Amino acid sequence: MAAMPPADSTSALRQHVIVVGAYSTSVRLVEELSRAGEQLLVLAHGDVTSDVVTEVQALGGHVIMADNVRESHLRLAGVERAKAVVILGDDDVRAIR
């Protein structure tokens, strides 16, 4: 699952919203943010279904796949240029690591 886009495909993003976690709630959030005109990048980790990835991409969101979220993934996602980062999940302890 370690497929990651080339750095130049995400380097143009500025003032975007990074969503960490790709779940059904992520898709709903991406839908709302997309309607509001936000640029989106989803950092998907864990057991992500291809349906969720396809839906996010259909809404215009970029997707980075990773086994675990690491600093290098956040940097590739452009965390230093992002407007906001949203962490979603069903395990609060894992989310704050």
Protein backbone atom coordinates (compact mmCIF):
# COMPACT_ATOMS: atom_id res chain seq x y z
CA MET A 1 0.00 0.00 0.00
CA ALA A 2 2.97 2.36 -0.09
CA ALA A 3 1.98 4.02 -3.39
CA MET A 4 2.72 7.72 -3.23
CA PRO A 5 2.33 10.36 -5.94
CA PRO A 6 5.36 12.16 -7.31
CA ALA A 7 6.33 15.17 -5.22
CA ASP A 8 5.55 17.56 -8.10
CA SER A 9 1.89 16.46 -8.17
CA THR A 10 1.33 17.83 -4.67
CA SER A 11 3.91 20.64 -4.64
CA ALA A 12 1.52 23.06 -6.37
CA LEU A 13 -1.01 22.81 -3.54
CA ARG A 14 -1.24 25.91 -1.35
CA GLN A 15 -3.76 26.76 1.34
CA HIS A 16 -5.27 23.29 0.93
CA VAL A 17 -6.89 21.06 3.51
CA ILE A 18 -5.21 17.78 4.42
CA VAL A 19 -7.53 15.03 5.68
CA VAL A 20 -5.68 12.26 7.51
CA GLY A 21 -7.69 9.04 7.34
CA ALA A 22 -9.84 7.69 4.55
CA TYR A 23 -13.12 6.43 5.91
CA SER A 24 -16.74 6.92 4.94
CA THR A 25 -16.75 10.02 7.17
CA SER A 26 -13.76 11.31 5.20
CA VAL A 27 -15.72 11.10 1.97
CA ARG A 28 -18.57 13.12 3.48
CA LEU A 29 -16.12 15.72 4.73
CA VAL A 30 -14.36 15.85 1.34
CA GLU A 31 -17.76 16.34 -0.36
CA GLU A 32 -18.56 19.32 1.86
CA LEU A 33 -15.11 20.89 1.58
CA SER A 34 -15.11 20.37 -2.18
CA ARG A 35 -18.46 22.15 -2.45
CA ALA A 36 -16.95 25.00 -0.46
CA GLY A 37 -14.19 25.29 -3.06
CA GLU A 38 -11.34 23.90 -0.96
CA GLN A 39 -8.35 22.11 -2.48
CA LEU A 40 -8.06 18.73 -0.78
CA LEU A 41 -5.50 16.06 -0.12
CA VAL A 42 -6.36 12.85 1.72
CA LEU A 43 -3.60 10.96 3.47
CA ALA A 44 -5.00 7.43 3.49
CA HIS A 45 -3.56 4.82 5.80
CA GLY A 46 -4.51 1.47 7.23
CA ASP A 47 -7.30 -0.59 5.69
CA VAL A 48 -8.55 1.76 3.01
CA THR A 49 -10.97 0.50 0.41
CA SER A 50 -10.50 1.37 -3.23
CA ASP A 51 -14.07 2.71 -3.24
CA VAL A 52 -13.14 5.44 -0.77
CA VAL A 53 -10.04 6.40 -2.79
CA THR A 54 -12.07 6.46 -6.01
CA GLU A 55 -14.75 8.68 -4.43
CA VAL A 56 -12.18 11.13 -3.07
CA GLN A 57 -10.47 11.36 -6.46
CA ALA A 58 -13.82 11.79 -8.23
CA LEU A 59 -14.42 14.80 -5.99
CA GLY A 60 -11.12 16.31 -7.14
CA GLY A 61 -9.09 15.34 -4.08
CA HIS A 62 -5.51 14.16 -4.21
CA VAL A 63 -4.72 10.91 -2.37
CA ILE A 64 -1.49 9.73 -0.79
CA MET A 65 -1.48 6.09 0.33
CA ALA A 66 0.74 5.03 3.23
CA ASP A 67 0.94 2.10 5.64
CA ASN A 68 1.33 4.52 8.55
CA VAL A 69 1.38 8.30 8.72
CA ARG A 70 4.95 9.52 9.01
CA GLU A 71 6.49 12.98 8.97
CA SER A 72 7.68 12.38 5.40
CA HIS A 73 4.09 11.75 4.27
CA LEU A 74 2.90 14.97 5.91
CA ARG A 75 5.71 16.88 4.21
CA LEU A 76 4.82 15.32 0.84
CA ALA A 77 1.20 16.37 1.49
CA GLY A 78 2.45 19.94 1.95
CA VAL A 79 1.60 20.31 5.61
CA GLU A 80 3.71 23.48 5.87
CA ARG A 81 1.61 25.08 3.07
CA ALA A 82 -1.77 23.75 4.21
CA LYS A 83 -4.61 25.85 5.52
CA ALA A 84 -5.72 23.07 7.88
CA VAL A 85 -5.17 19.44 8.80
CA VAL A 86 -8.10 17.27 9.87
CA ILE A 87 -7.38 13.95 11.59
CA LEU A 88 -10.19 11.42 11.37
CA GLY A 89 -10.38 7.94 12.82
CA ASP A 90 -12.10 5.66 15.24
CA ASP A 91 -9.15 5.40 17.65
CA ASP A 92 -8.39 8.63 19.52
CA VAL A 93 -5.09 7.39 20.93
CA ARG A 94 -3.80 6.43 17.48
CA ALA A 95 -4.98 9.74 16.03
CA ILE A 96 -2.83 11.83 18.40
CA ARG A 97 0.38 9.81 17.88
